[in-house]
Amino acid sequence: MYEHCLNTTSRNSSKPPSSDGLSNPQAAVKPPKGGRPSGGQAGHQGHTLCRSPNVDHILDHRPASYGRCGGSLAAD
């Protein structure tokens, strides 16, 4: 009698998607559309900036306090 209630999902009723639970087929990872692999063209030489072997100076950027409570981050 109530079997139709057990088989309802957000796809075939007005239920919200959050009520589908973990067995939601939409949540499965799907391959990208088009069927082509991601990335550049085959044989293309990539370009990456290299680090300089001669560094002039190093700057440490550190917060003075913790963002949420404002507590000090200084080493005691």
PDB file of N, CA and C in Angstrom:
ATOM      1  N   MET A   1       0.814  -1.183   0.000  1.00  0.00           N
ATOM      2  CA  MET A   1       0.000   0.000   0.000  1.00  0.00           C
ATOM      3  C   MET A   1       0.869   1.262   0.000  1.00  0.00           C
ATOM      4  N   TYR A   2       1.930   1.295   0.821  1.00  0.00           N
ATOM      5  CA  TYR A   2       2.778   2.470   0.918  1.00  0.00           C
ATOM      6  C   TYR A   2       4.096   2.294   0.164  1.00  0.00           C
ATOM      7  N   GLU A   3       4.161   1.339  -0.756  1.00  0.00           N
ATOM      8  CA  GLU A   3       5.403   1.103  -1.494  1.00  0.00           C
ATOM      9  C   GLU A   3       5.780   2.302  -2.349  1.00  0.00           C
ATOM     10  N   HIS A   4       4.809   3.011  -2.867  1.00  0.00           N
ATOM     11  CA  HIS A   4       5.124   4.173  -3.693  1.00  0.00           C
ATOM     12  C   HIS A   4       5.835   5.261  -2.877  1.00  0.00           C
ATOM     13  N   CYS A   5       5.574   5.323  -1.579  1.00  0.00           N
ATOM     14  CA  CYS A   5       6.245   6.303  -0.723  1.00  0.00           C
ATOM     15  C   CYS A   5       7.709   5.935  -0.508  1.00  0.00           C
ATOM     16  N   LEU A   6       8.008   4.648  -0.462  1.00  0.00           N
ATOM     17  CA  LEU A   6       9.380   4.206  -0.250  1.00  0.00           C
ATOM     18  C   LEU A   6      10.236   4.415  -1.491  1.00  0.00           C
ATOM     19  N   ASN A   7       9.642   4.430  -2.653  1.00  0.00           N
ATOM     20  CA  ASN A   7      10.385   4.541  -3.893  1.00  0.00           C
ATOM     21  C   ASN A   7      10.484   5.965  -4.428  1.00  0.00           C
ATOM     22  N   THR A   8      10.048   6.946  -3.646  1.00  0.00           N
ATOM     23  CA  THR A   8      10.105   8.314  -4.139  1.00  0.00           C
ATOM     24  C   THR A   8      11.476   8.926  -3.866  1.00  0.00           C
ATOM     25  N   THR A   9      11.969   9.681  -4.814  1.00  0.00           N
ATOM     26  CA  THR A   9      13.220  10.419  -4.674  1.00  0.00           C
ATOM     27  C   THR A   9      12.961  11.850  -5.100  1.00  0.00           C
ATOM     28  N   SER A  10      13.989  12.669  -5.057  1.00  0.00           N
ATOM     29  CA  SER A  10      13.826  14.048  -5.485  1.00  0.00           C
ATOM     30  C   SER A  10      13.649  14.147  -6.996  1.00  0.00           C
ATOM     31  N   ARG A  11      13.973  13.080  -7.720  1.00  0.00           N
ATOM     32  CA  ARG A  11      13.819  13.104  -9.177  1.00  0.00           C
ATOM     33  C   ARG A  11      12.389  12.798  -9.616  1.00  0.00           C
ATOM     34  N   ASN A  12      11.640  12.017  -8.817  1.00  0.00           N
ATOM     35  CA  ASN A  12      10.292  11.650  -9.244  1.00  0.00           C
ATOM     36  C   ASN A  12       9.211  12.166  -8.289  1.00  0.00           C
ATOM     37  N   SER A  13       9.542  13.130  -7.438  1.00  0.00           N
ATOM     38  CA  SER A  13       8.548  13.710  -6.539  1.00  0.00           C
ATOM     39  C   SER A  13       8.983  15.129  -6.190  1.00  0.00           C
ATOM     40  N   SER A  14       8.286  15.745  -5.267  1.00  0.00           N
ATOM     41  CA  SER A  14       8.629  17.107  -4.864  1.00  0.00           C
ATOM     42  C   SER A  14       9.504  17.123  -3.623  1.00  0.00           C
ATOM     43  N   LYS A  15      10.109  15.972  -3.281  1.00  0.00           N
ATOM     44  CA  LYS A  15      10.988  15.909  -2.121  1.00  0.00           C
ATOM     45  C   LYS A  15      12.266  16.690  -2.388  1.00  0.00           C
ATOM     46  N   PRO A  16      12.866  17.299  -1.362  1.00  0.00           N
ATOM     47  CA  PRO A  16      14.135  17.998  -1.564  1.00  0.00           C
ATOM     48  C   PRO A  16      15.269  16.980  -1.755  1.00  0.00           C
ATOM     49  N   PRO A  17      16.326  17.335  -2.487  1.00  0.00           N
ATOM     50  CA  PRO A  17      17.436  16.412  -2.724  1.00  0.00           C
ATOM     51  C   PRO A  17      18.133  15.962  -1.445  1.00  0.00           C
ATOM     52  N   SER A  18      18.091  16.772  -0.397  1.00  0.00           N
ATOM     53  CA  SER A  18      18.755  16.389   0.848  1.00  0.00           C
ATOM     54  C   SER A  18      18.082  15.189   1.508  1.00  0.00           C
ATOM     55  N   SER A  19      16.843  14.871   1.129  1.00  0.00           N
ATOM     56  CA  SER A  19      16.144  13.739   1.735  1.00  0.00           C
ATOM     57  C   SER A  19      16.398  12.434   0.993  1.00  0.00           C
ATOM     58  N   ASP A  20      17.208  12.466  -0.087  1.00  0.00           N
ATOM     59  CA  ASP A  20      17.479  11.247  -0.843  1.00  0.00           C
ATOM     60  C   ASP A  20      18.398  10.286  -0.111  1.00  0.00           C
ATOM     61  N   GLY A  21      19.209  10.758   0.793  1.00  0.00           N
ATOM     62  CA  GLY A  21      20.115   9.894   1.523  1.00  0.00           C
ATOM     63  C   GLY A  21      21.393   9.638   0.748  1.00  0.00           C
ATOM     64  N   LEU A  22      22.170   8.642   1.193  1.00  0.00           N
ATOM     65  CA  LEU A  22      23.473   8.366   0.603  1.00  0.00           C
ATOM     66  C   LEU A  22      23.392   7.578  -0.695  1.00  0.00           C
ATOM     67  N   SER A  23      22.290   6.970  -0.983  1.00  0.00           N
ATOM     68  CA  SER A  23      22.182   6.153  -2.188  1.00  0.00           C
ATOM     69  C   SER A  23      21.697   6.957  -3.386  1.00  0.00           C
ATOM     70  N   ASN A  24      21.883   8.267  -3.343  1.00  0.00           N
ATOM     71  CA  ASN A  24      21.445   9.136  -4.420  1.00  0.00           C
ATOM     72  C   ASN A  24      22.302   8.902  -5.662  1.00  0.00           C
ATOM     73  N   PRO A  25      21.739   8.478  -6.779  1.00  0.00           N
ATOM     74  CA  PRO A  25      22.547   8.233  -7.966  1.00  0.00           C
ATOM     75  C   PRO A  25      23.130   9.509  -8.560  1.00  0.00           C
ATOM     76  N   GLN A  26      22.560  10.676  -8.247  1.00  0.00           N
ATOM     77  CA  GLN A  26      23.103  11.929  -8.746  1.00  0.00           C
ATOM     78  C   GLN A  26      24.433  12.256  -8.095  1.00  0.00           C
ATOM     79  N   ALA A  27      24.660  11.779  -6.892  1.00  0.00           N
ATOM     80  CA  ALA A  27      25.871  12.106  -6.157  1.00  0.00           C
ATOM     81  C   ALA A  27      27.089  11.366  -6.696  1.00  0.00           C
ATOM     82  N   ALA A  28      26.910  10.368  -7.536  1.00  0.00           N
ATOM     83  CA  ALA A  28      28.036   9.623  -8.080  1.00  0.00           C
ATOM     84  C   ALA A  28      28.861  10.529  -8.998  1.00  0.00           C
ATOM     85  N   VAL A  29      30.164  10.310  -9.004  1.00  0.00           N
ATOM     86  CA  VAL A  29      31.038  11.116  -9.846  1.00  0.00           C
ATOM     87  C   VAL A  29      30.856  10.681 -11.294  1.00  0.00           C
ATOM     88  N   LYS A  30      30.579  11.652 -12.139  1.00  0.00           N
ATOM     89  CA  LYS A  30      30.340  11.360 -13.537  1.00  0.00           C
ATOM     90  C   LYS A  30      31.537  11.835 -14.354  1.00  0.00           C
ATOM     91  N   PRO A  31      31.862  11.152 -15.439  1.00  0.00           N
ATOM     92  CA  PRO A  31      32.957  11.615 -16.283  1.00  0.00           C
ATOM     93  C   PRO A  31      32.577  12.923 -16.963  1.00  0.00           C
ATOM     94  N   PRO A  32      33.564  13.743 -17.324  1.00  0.00           N
ATOM     95  CA  PRO A  32      33.232  15.012 -17.964  1.00  0.00           C
ATOM     96  C   PRO A  32      32.552  14.805 -19.306  1.00  0.00           C
ATOM     97  N   LYS A  33      31.672  15.734 -19.650  1.00  0.00           N
ATOM     98  CA  LYS A  33      30.963  15.627 -20.914  1.00  0.00           C
ATOM     99  C   LYS A  33      31.936  15.800 -22.067  1.00  0.00           C
ATOM    100  N   GLY A  34      31.659  15.156 -23.150  1.00  0.00           N
ATOM    101  CA  GLY A  34      32.503  15.269 -24.328  1.00  0.00           C
ATOM    102  C   GLY A  34      33.413  14.066 -24.506  1.00  0.00           C
ATOM    103  N   GLY A  35      33.680  13.331 -23.441  1.00  0.00           N
ATOM    104  CA  GLY A  35      34.468  12.111 -23.538  1.00  0.00           C
ATOM    105  C   GLY A  35      35.955  12.328 -23.769  1.00  0.00           C
ATOM    106  N   ARG A  36      36.434  13.576 -23.749  1.00  0.00           N
ATOM    107  CA  ARG A  36      37.848  13.816 -23.978  1.00  0.00           C
ATOM    108  C   ARG A  36      38.578  13.946 -22.645  1.00  0.00           C
ATOM    109  N   PRO A  37      39.841  13.529 -22.593  1.00  0.00           N
ATOM    110  CA  PRO A  37      40.597  13.677 -21.352  1.00  0.00           C
ATOM    111  C   PRO A  37      40.925  15.142 -21.087  1.00  0.00           C
ATOM    112  N   SER A  38      41.110  15.489 -19.826  1.00  0.00           N
ATOM    113  CA  SER A  38      41.446  16.854 -19.477  1.00  0.00           C
ATOM    114  C   SER A  38      42.926  17.111 -19.711  1.00  0.00           C
ATOM    115  N   GLY A  39      43.297  18.380 -19.802  1.00  0.00           N
ATOM    116  CA  GLY A  39      44.692  18.752 -19.988  1.00  0.00           C
ATOM    117  C   GLY A  39      44.945  19.336 -21.352  1.00  0.00           C
ATOM    118  N   GLY A  40      46.222  19.653 -21.596  1.00  0.00           N
ATOM    119  CA  GLY A  40      46.605  20.268 -22.854  1.00  0.00           C
ATOM    120  C   GLY A  40      46.686  19.262 -23.983  1.00  0.00           C
ATOM    121  N   GLN A  41      47.042  19.775 -25.142  1.00  0.00           N
ATOM    122  CA  GLN A  41      47.148  18.908 -26.308  1.00  0.00           C
ATOM    123  C   GLN A  41      48.381  18.029 -26.203  1.00  0.00           C
ATOM    124  N   ALA A  42      48.297  16.843 -26.772  1.00  0.00           N
ATOM    125  CA  ALA A  42      49.408  15.895 -26.737  1.00  0.00           C
ATOM    126  C   ALA A  42      50.603  16.474 -27.480  1.00  0.00           C
ATOM    127  N   GLY A  43      51.790  16.371 -26.871  1.00  0.00           N
ATOM    128  CA  GLY A  43      53.006  16.854 -27.502  1.00  0.00           C
ATOM    129  C   GLY A  43      53.328  18.311 -27.228  1.00  0.00           C
ATOM    130  N   HIS A  44      52.421  19.050 -26.589  1.00  0.00           N
ATOM    131  CA  HIS A  44      52.665  20.469 -26.309  1.00  0.00           C
ATOM    132  C   HIS A  44      53.618  20.596 -25.132  1.00  0.00           C
ATOM    133  N   GLN A  45      54.677  21.393 -25.299  1.00  0.00           N
ATOM    134  CA  GLN A  45      55.650  21.608 -24.233  1.00  0.00           C
ATOM    135  C   GLN A  45      55.097  22.644 -23.255  1.00  0.00           C
ATOM    136  N   GLY A  46      55.011  22.302 -21.981  1.00  0.00           N
ATOM    137  CA  GLY A  46      54.470  23.217 -20.984  1.00  0.00           C
ATOM    138  C   GLY A  46      55.474  24.282 -20.592  1.00  0.00           C
ATOM    139  N   HIS A  47      55.007  25.334 -19.950  1.00  0.00           N
ATOM    140  CA  HIS A  47      55.873  26.433 -19.517  1.00  0.00           C
ATOM    141  C   HIS A  47      55.690  26.633 -18.018  1.00  0.00           C
ATOM    142  N   THR A  48      56.790  26.599 -17.269  1.00  0.00           N
ATOM    143  CA  THR A  48      56.750  26.798 -15.833  1.00  0.00           C
ATOM    144  C   THR A  48      57.845  27.779 -15.443  1.00  0.00           C
ATOM    145  N   LEU A  49      57.526  28.726 -14.587  1.00  0.00           N
ATOM    146  CA  LEU A  49      58.538  29.649 -14.097  1.00  0.00           C
ATOM    147  C   LEU A  49      59.421  28.923 -13.089  1.00  0.00           C
ATOM    148  N   CYS A  50      60.734  29.047 -13.250  1.00  0.00           N
ATOM    149  CA  CYS A  50      61.681  28.396 -12.345  1.00  0.00           C
ATOM    150  C   CYS A  50      62.024  29.346 -11.203  1.00  0.00           C
ATOM    151  N   ARG A  51      62.408  28.778 -10.074  1.00  0.00           N
ATOM    152  CA  ARG A  51      62.843  29.592  -8.940  1.00  0.00           C
ATOM    153  C   ARG A  51      64.228  30.150  -9.219  1.00  0.00           C
ATOM    154  N   SER A  52      64.462  31.333  -8.733  1.00  0.00           N
ATOM    155  CA  SER A  52      65.760  31.969  -8.915  1.00  0.00           C
ATOM    156  C   SER A  52      66.758  31.375  -7.923  1.00  0.00           C
ATOM    157  N   PRO A  53      67.970  31.037  -8.370  1.00  0.00           N
ATOM    158  CA  PRO A  53      68.957  30.495  -7.429  1.00  0.00           C
ATOM    159  C   PRO A  53      69.547  31.589  -6.527  1.00  0.00           C
ATOM    160  N   ASN A  54      69.441  32.861  -6.928  1.00  0.00           N
ATOM    161  CA  ASN A  54      69.992  33.974  -6.154  1.00  0.00           C
ATOM    162  C   ASN A  54      68.839  34.818  -5.610  1.00  0.00           C
ATOM    163  N   VAL A  55      68.488  34.587  -4.336  1.00  0.00           N
ATOM    164  CA  VAL A  55      67.377  35.298  -3.711  1.00  0.00           C
ATOM    165  C   VAL A  55      67.916  36.544  -3.023  1.00  0.00           C
ATOM    166  N   ASP A  56      67.323  37.717  -3.292  1.00  0.00           N
ATOM    167  CA  ASP A  56      67.766  38.966  -2.681  1.00  0.00           C
ATOM    168  C   ASP A  56      67.388  39.036  -1.206  1.00  0.00           C
ATOM    169  N   HIS A  57      66.130  38.761  -0.891  1.00  0.00           N
ATOM    170  CA  HIS A  57      65.667  38.801   0.489  1.00  0.00           C
ATOM    171  C   HIS A  57      64.408  37.941   0.628  1.00  0.00           C
ATOM    172  N   ILE A  58      64.145  37.550   1.869  1.00  0.00           N
ATOM    173  CA  ILE A  58      62.976  36.723   2.172  1.00  0.00           C
ATOM    174  C   ILE A  58      62.111  37.474   3.170  1.00  0.00           C
ATOM    175  N   LEU A  59      60.824  37.583   2.891  1.00  0.00           N
ATOM    176  CA  LEU A  59      59.878  38.227   3.796  1.00  0.00           C
ATOM    177  C   LEU A  59      58.937  37.181   4.381  1.00  0.00           C
ATOM    178  N   ASP A  60      58.844  37.137   5.714  1.00  0.00           N
ATOM    179  CA  ASP A  60      57.873  36.267   6.381  1.00  0.00           C
ATOM    180  C   ASP A  60      56.610  37.069   6.626  1.00  0.00           C
ATOM    181  N   HIS A  61      55.493  36.617   6.113  1.00  0.00           N
ATOM    182  CA  HIS A  61      54.199  37.265   6.338  1.00  0.00           C
ATOM    183  C   HIS A  61      53.423  36.409   7.325  1.00  0.00           C
ATOM    184  N   ARG A  62      53.404  36.840   8.579  1.00  0.00           N
ATOM    185  CA  ARG A  62      52.733  36.077   9.628  1.00  0.00           C
ATOM    186  C   ARG A  62      51.728  36.968  10.345  1.00  0.00           C
ATOM    187  N   PRO A  63      50.550  36.450  10.649  1.00  0.00           N
ATOM    188  CA  PRO A  63      49.560  37.260  11.380  1.00  0.00           C
ATOM    189  C   PRO A  63      50.006  37.485  12.819  1.00  0.00           C
ATOM    190  N   ALA A  64      49.620  38.613  13.386  1.00  0.00           N
ATOM    191  CA  ALA A  64      49.975  38.927  14.765  1.00  0.00           C
ATOM    192  C   ALA A  64      49.024  38.259  15.754  1.00  0.00           C
ATOM    193  N   SER A  65      47.796  37.982  15.304  1.00  0.00           N
ATOM    194  CA  SER A  65      46.826  37.374  16.209  1.00  0.00           C
ATOM    195  C   SER A  65      45.960  36.376  15.438  1.00  0.00           C
ATOM    196  N   TYR A  66      45.336  35.501  16.184  1.00  0.00           N
ATOM    197  CA  TYR A  66      44.444  34.509  15.602  1.00  0.00           C
ATOM    198  C   TYR A  66      43.183  35.217  15.108  1.00  0.00           C
ATOM    199  N   GLY A  67      42.724  34.884  13.913  1.00  0.00           N
ATOM    200  CA  GLY A  67      41.637  35.603  13.285  1.00  0.00           C
ATOM    201  C   GLY A  67      40.308  35.565  14.007  1.00  0.00           C
ATOM    202  N   ARG A  68      39.952  34.460  14.620  1.00  0.00           N
ATOM    203  CA  ARG A  68      38.615  34.351  15.239  1.00  0.00           C
ATOM    204  C   ARG A  68      38.537  34.959  16.637  1.00  0.00           C
ATOM    205  N   CYS A  69      39.484  34.572  17.488  1.00  0.00           N
ATOM    206  CA  CYS A  69      39.382  35.039  18.886  1.00  0.00           C
ATOM    207  C   CYS A  69      40.304  36.210  19.184  1.00  0.00           C
ATOM    208  N   GLY A  70      41.260  36.508  18.271  1.00  0.00           N
ATOM    209  CA  GLY A  70      42.162  37.616  18.510  1.00  0.00           C
ATOM    210  C   GLY A  70      43.307  37.281  19.435  1.00  0.00           C
ATOM    211  N   GLY A  71      43.450  35.995  19.816  1.00  0.00           N
ATOM    212  CA  GLY A  71      44.531  35.577  20.699  1.00  0.00           C
ATOM    213  C   GLY A  71      45.886  35.718  20.030  1.00  0.00           C
ATOM    214  N   SER A  72      46.903  35.909  20.825  1.00  0.00           N
ATOM    215  CA  SER A  72      48.255  36.119  20.325  1.00  0.00           C
ATOM    216  C   SER A  72      48.835  34.836  19.752  1.00  0.00           C
ATOM    217  N   LEU A  73      49.592  34.982  18.667  1.00  0.00           N
ATOM    218  CA  LEU A  73      50.286  33.855  18.069  1.00  0.00           C
ATOM    219  C   LEU A  73      51.780  33.912  18.344  1.00  0.00           C
ATOM    220  N   ALA A  74      52.196  34.849  19.175  1.00  0.00           N
ATOM    221  CA  ALA A  74      53.609  34.980  19.490  1.00  0.00           C
ATOM    222  C   ALA A  74      54.075  33.778  20.311  1.00  0.00           C
ATOM    223  N   ALA A  75      55.289  33.300  20.000  1.00  0.00           N
ATOM    224  CA  ALA A  75      55.847  32.161  20.735  1.00  0.00           C
ATOM    225  C   ALA A  75      56.243  32.597  22.130  1.00  0.00           C
ATOM    226  N   ASP A  76      55.860  31.839  23.136  1.00  0.00           N
ATOM    227  CA  ASP A  76      56.181  32.190  24.527  1.00  0.00           C
ATOM    228  C   ASP A  76      57.510  31.610  24.923  1.00  0.00           C
TER     229      ASP A  76
END
